[in-house]
């Protein structure tokens, strides 16, 4: 990770003495979203109660 002079963040990878930029300069919020998207994604657990509640929120068409 590198911080630019104007406060933006860049992600860099260094291998075998060669530095490669992974992304353009981003502000902090965009950079965090970008980095979080790179790794394994968190599986959100849904309980039976959550699923049943979500089904109740769906509007039924009027007959």
N, C-alpha and C. Protein backbone atom coordinates (compact mmCIF):
# COMPACT_ATOMS: atom_id res chain seq x y z
N UNK A 1 0.85 -1.16 0.00
CA UNK A 1 0.00 0.00 0.00
C UNK A 1 0.89 1.22 0.00
N UNK A 2 0.50 2.22 -0.76
CA UNK A 2 1.25 3.47 -0.80
C UNK A 2 0.27 4.63 -0.64
N UNK A 3 0.71 5.65 0.05
CA UNK A 3 -0.08 6.86 0.25
C UNK A 3 0.52 7.96 -0.61
N UNK A 4 -0.29 8.54 -1.48
CA UNK A 4 0.19 9.59 -2.37
C UNK A 4 0.25 10.92 -1.63
N UNK A 5 0.85 11.90 -2.25
CA UNK A 5 1.00 13.21 -1.63
C UNK A 5 -0.33 13.92 -1.41
N UNK A 6 -1.33 13.60 -2.20
CA UNK A 6 -2.63 14.26 -2.04
C UNK A 6 -3.61 13.43 -1.21
N UNK A 7 -3.11 12.43 -0.47
CA UNK A 7 -3.94 11.67 0.47
C UNK A 7 -4.69 10.50 -0.12
N UNK A 8 -4.36 10.10 -1.34
CA UNK A 8 -5.02 8.95 -1.94
C UNK A 8 -4.17 7.70 -1.73
N UNK A 9 -4.80 6.54 -1.84
CA UNK A 9 -4.13 5.27 -1.59
C UNK A 9 -3.96 4.49 -2.89
N UNK A 10 -2.83 3.80 -3.01
CA UNK A 10 -2.56 2.91 -4.14
C UNK A 10 -2.15 1.57 -3.57
N UNK A 11 -2.50 0.52 -4.28
CA UNK A 11 -2.07 -0.82 -3.89
C UNK A 11 -1.01 -1.27 -4.88
N UNK A 12 0.14 -1.69 -4.34
CA UNK A 12 1.26 -2.12 -5.16
C UNK A 12 1.70 -3.51 -4.74
N UNK A 13 2.27 -4.23 -5.70
CA UNK A 13 2.82 -5.54 -5.43
C UNK A 13 4.27 -5.55 -5.87
N UNK A 14 5.14 -5.99 -5.00
CA UNK A 14 6.56 -6.07 -5.33
C UNK A 14 6.98 -7.53 -5.33
N UNK A 15 7.46 -7.99 -6.48
CA UNK A 15 7.97 -9.35 -6.58
C UNK A 15 9.20 -9.34 -7.49
N UNK A 16 10.24 -9.99 -7.03
CA UNK A 16 11.51 -10.09 -7.75
C UNK A 16 12.07 -8.71 -8.12
N UNK A 17 11.91 -7.74 -7.24
CA UNK A 17 12.45 -6.41 -7.43
C UNK A 17 11.66 -5.53 -8.37
N UNK A 18 10.56 -6.03 -8.91
CA UNK A 18 9.71 -5.26 -9.82
C UNK A 18 8.44 -4.87 -9.08
N UNK A 19 8.10 -3.59 -9.14
CA UNK A 19 6.90 -3.10 -8.47
C UNK A 19 5.79 -2.92 -9.49
N UNK A 20 4.63 -3.50 -9.20
CA UNK A 20 3.49 -3.44 -10.11
C UNK A 20 2.31 -2.82 -9.36
N UNK A 21 1.63 -1.84 -9.99
CA UNK A 21 0.47 -1.22 -9.36
C UNK A 21 -0.76 -2.08 -9.61
N UNK A 22 -1.50 -2.36 -8.54
CA UNK A 22 -2.69 -3.19 -8.62
C UNK A 22 -3.93 -2.32 -8.93
N UNK A 23 -3.95 -1.09 -8.42
CA UNK A 23 -5.09 -0.20 -8.66
C UNK A 23 -4.61 1.24 -8.78
N UNK A 24 -5.47 2.07 -9.32
CA UNK A 24 -5.19 3.50 -9.41
C UNK A 24 -5.33 4.14 -8.03
N UNK A 25 -5.00 5.41 -7.93
CA UNK A 25 -5.12 6.12 -6.66
C UNK A 25 -6.61 6.27 -6.30
N UNK A 26 -6.96 5.85 -5.09
CA UNK A 26 -8.35 5.89 -4.62
C UNK A 26 -8.42 6.60 -3.28
N UNK A 27 -9.60 7.20 -2.98
CA UNK A 27 -9.75 7.76 -1.64
C UNK A 27 -9.95 6.61 -0.66
N UNK A 28 -9.96 6.91 0.62
CA UNK A 28 -9.92 5.87 1.65
C UNK A 28 -11.09 4.90 1.56
N UNK A 29 -12.32 5.41 1.42
CA UNK A 29 -13.49 4.53 1.39
C UNK A 29 -13.47 3.60 0.17
N UNK A 30 -13.13 4.14 -1.00
CA UNK A 30 -13.06 3.33 -2.20
C UNK A 30 -11.95 2.29 -2.11
N UNK A 31 -10.81 2.69 -1.51
CA UNK A 31 -9.69 1.79 -1.35
C UNK A 31 -10.05 0.61 -0.45
N UNK A 32 -10.74 0.88 0.64
CA UNK A 32 -11.15 -0.19 1.57
C UNK A 32 -12.10 -1.15 0.87
N UNK A 33 -13.06 -0.63 0.10
CA UNK A 33 -13.98 -1.50 -0.64
C UNK A 33 -13.22 -2.35 -1.65
N UNK A 34 -12.24 -1.76 -2.34
CA UNK A 34 -11.45 -2.49 -3.33
C UNK A 34 -10.67 -3.62 -2.67
N UNK A 35 -9.99 -3.33 -1.57
CA UNK A 35 -9.17 -4.34 -0.90
C UNK A 35 -10.05 -5.44 -0.30
N UNK A 36 -11.18 -5.08 0.27
CA UNK A 36 -12.08 -6.10 0.83
C UNK A 36 -12.61 -7.03 -0.25
N UNK A 37 -12.79 -6.53 -1.46
CA UNK A 37 -13.30 -7.34 -2.56
C UNK A 37 -12.25 -8.32 -3.09
N UNK A 38 -10.98 -8.08 -2.80
CA UNK A 38 -9.92 -8.95 -3.30
C UNK A 38 -9.87 -10.30 -2.61
N UNK A 39 -10.09 -10.32 -1.33
CA UNK A 39 -9.94 -11.55 -0.55
C UNK A 39 -11.17 -12.42 -0.59
N UNK A 40 -11.14 -13.50 0.18
CA UNK A 40 -12.32 -14.37 0.24
C UNK A 40 -13.51 -13.62 0.83
N UNK A 41 -14.65 -13.83 0.24
CA UNK A 41 -15.85 -13.11 0.67
C UNK A 41 -16.50 -13.82 1.85
N UNK A 42 -17.02 -13.03 2.76
CA UNK A 42 -17.66 -13.56 3.96
C UNK A 42 -19.04 -14.08 3.59
N UNK A 43 -19.32 -15.30 4.02
CA UNK A 43 -20.63 -15.89 3.77
C UNK A 43 -21.57 -15.44 4.89
N UNK A 44 -22.66 -14.79 4.48
CA UNK A 44 -23.60 -14.30 5.48
C UNK A 44 -24.55 -15.41 5.87
N UNK A 45 -24.64 -15.65 7.17
CA UNK A 45 -25.52 -16.69 7.68
C UNK A 45 -26.95 -16.19 7.73
N UNK A 46 -27.86 -17.04 7.30
CA UNK A 46 -29.28 -16.73 7.33
C UNK A 46 -29.96 -17.82 8.14
N UNK A 47 -30.59 -17.41 9.22
CA UNK A 47 -31.29 -18.39 10.05
C UNK A 47 -32.66 -18.69 9.43
N UNK A 48 -33.30 -19.73 9.92
CA UNK A 48 -34.64 -20.07 9.45
C UNK A 48 -35.60 -18.92 9.71
N UNK A 49 -35.45 -18.27 10.87
CA UNK A 49 -36.33 -17.15 11.20
C UNK A 49 -36.11 -15.97 10.25
N UNK A 50 -34.86 -15.70 9.91
CA UNK A 50 -34.57 -14.61 8.97
C UNK A 50 -35.18 -14.89 7.60
N UNK A 51 -35.06 -16.12 7.14
CA UNK A 51 -35.62 -16.50 5.84
C UNK A 51 -37.14 -16.38 5.85
N UNK A 52 -37.77 -16.84 6.92
CA UNK A 52 -39.23 -16.76 7.02
C UNK A 52 -39.69 -15.31 7.07
N UNK A 53 -38.97 -14.47 7.77
CA UNK A 53 -39.32 -13.05 7.85
C UNK A 53 -39.18 -12.39 6.48
N UNK A 54 -38.12 -12.72 5.75
CA UNK A 54 -37.91 -12.14 4.41
C UNK A 54 -39.05 -12.53 3.48
N UNK A 55 -39.55 -13.76 3.59
CA UNK A 55 -40.68 -14.18 2.76
C UNK A 55 -41.94 -13.39 3.09
N UNK A 56 -42.12 -13.02 4.34
CA UNK A 56 -43.30 -12.24 4.74
C UNK A 56 -43.24 -10.82 4.20
N UNK A 57 -42.07 -10.32 3.91
CA UNK A 57 -41.93 -8.95 3.41
C UNK A 57 -42.29 -8.81 1.93
N UNK A 58 -42.35 -9.92 1.22
CA UNK A 58 -42.67 -9.88 -0.21
C UNK A 58 -44.16 -9.63 -0.35
N UNK A 59 -44.47 -8.61 -1.14
CA UNK A 59 -45.88 -8.28 -1.36
C UNK A 59 -46.51 -9.27 -2.33
N UNK A 60 -47.70 -9.68 -2.00
CA UNK A 60 -48.41 -10.60 -2.86
C UNK A 60 -49.23 -9.78 -3.87
N UNK A 61 -49.30 -10.24 -5.12
CA UNK A 61 -50.10 -9.50 -6.12
C UNK A 61 -51.58 -9.53 -5.76
N UNK A 62 -52.25 -8.43 -6.06
CA UNK A 62 -53.68 -8.36 -5.78
C UNK A 62 -54.44 -9.21 -6.78
N UNK A 63 -55.39 -9.95 -6.30
CA UNK A 63 -56.14 -10.86 -7.17
C UNK A 63 -57.34 -10.18 -7.77
